[in-house]
Protein backbone atom coordinates (compact mmCIF):
# COMPACT_ATOMS: atom_id res chain seq x y z
CA MET A 1 -14.04 12.15 20.76
CA ASP A 2 -13.22 14.17 17.62
CA ASP A 3 -13.95 12.56 14.24
CA GLY A 4 -10.29 12.84 13.31
CA GLU A 5 -9.23 10.87 16.37
CA ARG A 6 -10.00 7.37 17.57
CA THR A 7 -8.89 5.06 20.36
CA ALA A 8 -6.75 2.24 19.07
CA GLY A 9 -7.30 -1.23 20.45
CA GLY A 10 -4.60 -2.88 22.48
CA ASP A 11 -2.82 0.01 24.16
CA GLY A 12 -5.94 2.21 24.51
CA ARG A 13 -4.17 5.43 23.53
CA PRO A 14 -5.91 7.93 21.24
CA GLU A 15 -4.50 8.18 17.73
CA THR A 16 -4.95 10.71 14.97
CA ALA A 17 -6.38 9.26 11.78
CA ALA A 18 -4.01 9.73 8.84
CA VAL A 19 -6.78 8.55 6.51
CA ARG A 20 -10.52 8.80 7.15
CA VAL A 21 -12.98 6.95 4.89
CA ARG A 22 -16.76 7.15 5.13
CA GLY A 23 -19.36 5.40 2.98
CA LEU A 24 -17.03 4.57 0.09
CA TRP A 25 -18.80 2.84 -2.81
CA LYS A 26 -17.73 1.80 -6.30
CA GLN A 27 -19.56 -0.26 -8.90
CA PHE A 28 -18.45 -1.41 -12.34
CA GLY A 29 -21.64 -2.17 -14.21
CA GLU A 30 -23.54 -4.74 -12.16
CA GLN A 31 -20.49 -5.64 -10.06
CA THR A 32 -19.97 -3.93 -6.70
CA ALA A 33 -16.23 -3.63 -6.12
CA VAL A 34 -16.39 -1.61 -2.88
CA ALA A 35 -19.54 -1.67 -0.77
CA GLY A 36 -19.74 1.23 1.67
CA ILE A 37 -16.42 1.17 3.50
CA ASP A 38 -15.99 3.12 6.76
CA LEU A 39 -12.42 3.11 8.03
CA ASP A 40 -9.95 5.22 10.04
CA LEU A 41 -6.27 4.45 9.40
CA PRO A 42 -4.10 5.67 12.30
CA ALA A 43 -1.10 7.92 11.70
CA GLY A 44 2.43 6.70 12.33
CA ARG A 45 1.62 3.04 11.71
CA PHE A 46 2.67 0.36 9.23
CA ILE A 47 -0.77 -0.64 7.95
CA GLY A 48 -1.66 -3.68 5.88
CA LEU A 49 -4.80 -3.75 3.73
CA VAL A 50 -5.25 -7.46 3.16
CA GLY A 51 -7.71 -9.57 1.24
CA PRO A 52 -8.01 -12.29 -1.39
CA ASN A 53 -7.69 -11.49 -5.09
CA GLY A 54 -10.75 -9.55 -6.21
CA ALA A 55 -11.52 -8.29 -2.70
CA GLY A 56 -11.41 -4.63 -3.76
CA LYS A 57 -7.99 -3.67 -2.42
CA THR A 58 -6.70 -1.94 -5.54
CA THR A 59 -10.04 -0.20 -6.16
CA THR A 60 -10.10 1.05 -2.57
CA LEU A 61 -6.53 2.36 -2.68
CA SER A 62 -7.16 3.99 -6.07
CA MET A 63 -10.15 5.89 -4.66
CA ILE A 64 -8.34 6.85 -1.46
CA THR A 65 -5.40 8.28 -3.40
CA GLY A 66 -7.49 10.18 -5.94
CA LEU A 67 -6.73 7.94 -8.91
CA LEU A 68 -10.33 6.69 -9.25
CA ARG A 69 -13.47 8.67 -8.46
CA PRO A 70 -15.87 6.83 -6.13
CA ASP A 71 -19.58 6.58 -6.84
CA SER A 72 -20.17 8.00 -3.37
CA GLY A 73 -18.37 8.51 -0.10
CA LEU A 74 -15.81 10.71 1.64
CA VAL A 75 -12.03 10.35 1.83
CA GLU A 76 -9.87 12.64 3.94
CA ILE A 77 -6.09 12.50 4.28
CA GLY A 78 -4.58 14.68 6.97
CA GLY A 79 -7.99 16.31 7.38
CA ARG A 80 -8.20 17.32 3.70
CA ASP A 81 -10.85 16.05 1.31
CA VAL A 82 -9.20 14.08 -1.50
CA TRP A 83 -11.70 15.22 -4.11
CA ARG A 84 -12.24 18.82 -2.97
CA ASP A 85 -8.54 19.56 -2.47
CA PRO A 86 -6.71 17.11 -4.77
CA VAL A 87 -3.58 19.23 -5.16
CA GLY A 88 -3.24 19.78 -1.41
CA VAL A 89 -3.71 16.07 -0.68
CA LYS A 90 -1.41 14.79 -3.41
CA SER A 91 1.39 17.04 -2.21
CA ARG A 92 1.28 15.15 1.11
CA ILE A 93 1.14 11.56 -0.14
CA GLY A 94 3.31 9.16 -2.08
CA VAL A 95 1.83 6.42 -4.26
CA LEU A 96 3.31 3.25 -5.75
CA PRO A 97 0.43 1.71 -7.72
CA GLU A 98 0.16 -1.83 -9.00
CA GLY A 99 1.25 -2.15 -12.63
CA LEU A 100 3.38 0.98 -12.33
CA ARG A 101 4.11 2.71 -15.64
CA LEU A 102 7.36 4.67 -15.76
CA PHE A 103 8.92 6.93 -18.39
CA GLU A 104 10.98 4.15 -19.93
CA ARG A 105 13.15 6.31 -22.22
CA LEU A 106 14.61 8.19 -19.27
CA THR A 107 17.44 6.90 -17.12
CA GLY A 108 16.71 6.16 -13.48
CA ARG A 109 18.36 9.40 -12.36
CA GLU A 110 16.62 11.45 -15.05
CA LEU A 111 13.27 10.03 -13.98
CA LEU A 112 13.81 10.91 -10.33
CA THR A 113 15.11 14.37 -11.21
CA TYR A 114 12.07 14.99 -13.38
CA MET A 115 9.68 13.84 -10.61
CA GLY A 116 11.46 15.98 -8.04
CA ARG A 117 11.20 19.12 -10.14
CA LEU A 118 7.51 18.37 -10.84
CA ARG A 119 7.03 18.33 -7.07
CA GLY A 120 8.53 21.81 -6.88
CA LEU A 121 11.73 20.87 -5.07
CA PRO A 122 14.83 23.05 -5.68
CA ALA A 123 17.31 21.52 -8.11
CA ALA A 124 20.08 21.15 -5.51
CA GLU A 125 17.73 19.44 -3.07
CA VAL A 126 16.50 17.07 -5.80
CA GLU A 127 20.09 16.08 -6.57
CA ARG A 128 20.85 15.50 -2.89
CA ARG A 129 17.78 13.35 -2.33
CA CYS A 130 18.35 11.43 -5.58
CA ASP A 131 21.91 10.59 -4.52
CA GLN A 132 20.70 9.25 -1.17
CA LEU A 133 17.74 7.28 -2.53
CA LEU A 134 19.77 5.72 -5.34
CA ASP A 135 22.42 4.70 -2.83
CA VAL A 136 20.05 3.29 -0.18
CA LEU A 137 17.96 1.40 -2.76
CA ASP A 138 21.07 -0.03 -4.42
CA LEU A 139 20.36 1.68 -7.74
CA SER A 140 23.48 3.84 -8.05
CA ALA A 141 25.22 1.48 -10.49
CA ALA A 142 22.18 1.51 -12.79
CA GLN A 143 21.26 5.20 -12.45
CA HIS A 144 22.40 6.05 -16.00
CA LYS A 145 20.69 3.06 -17.65
CA LEU A 146 17.34 3.51 -19.37
CA VAL A 147 14.37 2.40 -17.28
CA VAL A 148 13.22 0.19 -20.17
CA ASP A 149 16.21 -2.06 -19.38
CA TYR A 150 15.40 -2.34 -15.65
CA SER A 151 14.28 -5.58 -14.02
CA THR A 152 10.99 -5.80 -12.13
CA GLY A 153 12.77 -5.30 -8.82
CA MET A 154 14.65 -2.26 -10.10
CA ARG A 155 11.42 -0.74 -11.42
CA LYS A 156 9.70 -1.23 -8.06
CA LYS A 157 12.64 0.38 -6.25
CA THR A 158 12.68 3.29 -8.71
CA GLY A 159 8.93 3.75 -8.23
CA LEU A 160 9.41 3.70 -4.47
CA ALA A 161 12.18 6.31 -4.74
CA ALA A 162 9.87 8.55 -6.80
CA ALA A 163 7.09 8.12 -4.23
CA LEU A 164 9.43 9.03 -1.34
CA LEU A 165 11.32 11.88 -3.00
CA HIS A 166 9.12 14.68 -1.63
CA ASN A 167 9.02 13.15 1.90
CA PRO A 168 5.27 12.44 2.03
CA GLU A 169 3.27 12.11 5.25
CA VAL A 170 1.48 8.97 4.03
CA LEU A 171 2.82 6.40 1.59
CA PHE A 172 0.43 4.09 -0.31
CA LEU A 173 1.81 0.92 -1.88
CA ASP A 174 -0.22 -1.57 -3.92
CA GLU A 175 1.42 -5.02 -3.85
CA PRO A 176 4.94 -3.53 -3.58
CA PHE A 177 6.63 -6.93 -3.28
CA GLU A 178 4.81 -8.63 -6.17
CA GLY A 179 7.33 -10.14 -8.61
CA VAL A 180 10.30 -8.75 -6.67
CA ASP A 181 13.40 -10.86 -5.98
CA PRO A 182 14.38 -11.53 -2.33
CA VAL A 183 17.33 -9.11 -2.36
CA SER A 184 15.25 -6.21 -3.71
CA ALA A 185 12.40 -7.12 -1.33
CA GLN A 186 14.74 -6.93 1.65
CA THR A 187 16.03 -3.52 0.49
CA ILE A 188 12.48 -2.18 0.06
CA ARG A 189 11.51 -3.56 3.45
CA GLY A 190 14.42 -1.83 5.16
CA VAL A 191 13.56 1.53 3.60
CA LEU A 192 9.90 1.23 4.63
CA GLU A 193 10.77 0.31 8.21
CA ARG A 194 13.11 3.30 8.41
CA TYR A 195 10.40 5.56 6.97
CA THR A 196 7.73 4.51 9.51
CA SER A 197 10.18 4.78 12.40
CA SER A 198 10.29 8.54 11.68
CA GLY A 199 6.55 8.82 12.42
CA ALA A 200 5.27 8.58 8.85
CA THR A 201 2.44 6.25 7.78
CA VAL A 202 2.62 3.37 5.30
CA VAL A 203 -0.50 1.75 3.87
CA PHE A 204 0.15 -1.24 1.65
CA SER A 205 -2.03 -3.92 0.13
CA SER A 206 -1.14 -7.57 -0.06
CA HIS A 207 -2.61 -11.04 -0.07
CA VAL A 208 0.53 -12.58 1.47
CA MET A 209 -0.31 -12.90 5.16
CA GLU A 210 3.19 -13.91 6.29
CA LEU A 211 4.60 -10.70 4.82
CA VAL A 212 1.92 -8.55 6.43
CA GLU A 213 2.38 -10.24 9.80
CA SER A 214 6.14 -9.63 9.74
CA LEU A 215 5.87 -5.97 8.68
CA CYS A 216 2.62 -4.45 9.94
CA ASP A 217 1.41 -3.39 13.36
CA TRP A 218 -2.13 -2.56 12.17
CA VAL A 219 -4.30 -4.34 9.59
CA ALA A 220 -7.65 -4.10 7.83
CA VAL A 221 -9.16 -7.23 6.28
CA LEU A 222 -11.18 -6.68 3.11
CA ALA A 223 -13.39 -9.26 1.37
CA SER A 224 -16.09 -8.83 -1.26
CA GLY A 225 -15.71 -5.07 -1.06
CA ARG A 226 -16.37 -4.87 2.69
CA ILE A 227 -14.19 -4.49 5.77
CA ARG A 228 -14.39 -7.69 7.83
CA ALA A 229 -12.02 -6.63 10.63
CA HIS A 230 -9.57 -3.85 11.44
CA GLY A 231 -7.27 -2.80 14.25
CA PRO A 232 -3.86 -3.60 15.76
CA LEU A 233 -2.39 -6.81 14.36
CA ALA A 234 -2.61 -8.72 17.65
CA GLU A 235 -6.26 -7.74 18.03
CA VAL A 236 -7.25 -8.90 14.54
CA ARG A 237 -5.28 -12.13 14.90
CA GLY A 238 -6.91 -12.81 18.26
CA ALA A 239 -6.47 -16.36 19.51
CA ALA A 240 -5.59 -17.71 16.07
CA PRO A 241 -2.08 -19.17 15.70
CA SER A 242 -1.30 -16.82 12.81
CA LEU A 243 -2.75 -13.96 10.79
CA GLN A 244 -3.23 -16.45 7.95
CA SER A 245 -5.54 -18.58 10.11
CA ALA A 246 -7.49 -15.55 11.32
CA PHE A 247 -7.75 -14.24 7.77
CA LEU A 248 -9.16 -17.48 6.39
CA GLU A 249 -11.79 -17.53 9.11
CA LEU A 250 -12.70 -13.86 8.59
CA VAL A 251 -13.21 -14.19 4.84
CA GLY A 252 -15.06 -17.50 5.18
CA ALA A 253 -12.56 -19.49 3.14
CA GLN A 254 -13.03 -23.24 3.15
CA GLY A 255 -10.82 -25.97 1.86
CA ASN A 256 -11.58 -26.73 -1.78
CA PRO A 257 -13.33 -30.10 -1.88
CA ALA A 258 -12.86 -30.24 -5.65
CA GLY A 259 -9.25 -31.19 -5.07
CA GLN A 260 -10.42 -34.45 -3.51
CA SER A 261 -11.99 -35.51 -6.82
CA LEU A 262 -8.70 -35.37 -8.73
CA ASP A 263 -8.11 -39.10 -8.22
CA TRP A 264 -6.09 -39.28 -11.46
CA LEU A 265 -3.55 -36.69 -10.37
CA GLY A 266 -0.28 -38.32 -9.34
CA GLY A 267 -1.57 -41.79 -10.17
CA PRO A 268 -0.06 -44.38 -12.54
CA ARG A 269 0.86 -43.12 -16.02
C-alpha cells in the first residue's frame, strides 16, 4: 500500500491521508512536549485530537500547520512537505489557533476583506464570500463594529470565517469551542458539519470528550506527547460505554484519592 494511503478500521476501505506525520519531536529545555509521533489523518473526516491539558495537542497542531518548527520529523499535507513548501501548504489549509490574535482596530468585514485579498482572491469574490460567511455565522449585524468590541464567541466566529474564506482542503482548529456561548457554539458546529459534508477535512483539538464524541468520526488520543490510540471513533471507544471512559483508561487516569482527605470540606462551620 502507498505511504499516502492507509486502510481505515471499521469499514476496511482505503483512505487517502490528508495529513501524514512521521517521527515528530519537540522539546522545550528538559521537557519533551511531543515524543516521536507517527500519524496518518484520513481525508474527508471530522477528526478529533484529544488529550488532557499538557498532553501536547497545541504543540502538535502548531508543528503540523507550520507555526512551530519541530526538532525533528516530517509533516506532509496533501503530499506536500510543510517545511519544504510552506507557501504551497498554507494555501491549502485554514487555521484557527488557540489564543487567536486579530487585528482589533479593523471591523469584522474589513478584517475578512483584508484576509481575502492577502490570499489572492479577486475583490468581487472576497465580497461575495464575506457576505455569505457573515450571514451564516450570524455576524452581519456586527460586521461594521471594531473587532476590539467583539465578544469571545464573535471573535471565534470571525476567526473561523477568516480560516474558511479561501475554501481550504484541511481546516485545523485548536479548542474552537473554548469560552464560547451555546448559541455561538451551535452556529460553529453547523458550519463545520456542512464543511466536512462537502468532502473537506477538519482536525480539531479538545479535552471535552462529549463534544468530540458528538462531532467526530475519527479520533487520535494524545497523552504525555505520545499517541495512545487512533482510528474511527467506534474503534477507539471499543467496548467502553463512552469515549470519556475509553479516554480515561487510555491515558491511565485514576480517581484522585486526595479528595478523600478533605474531611473538612462541607462539614460544620
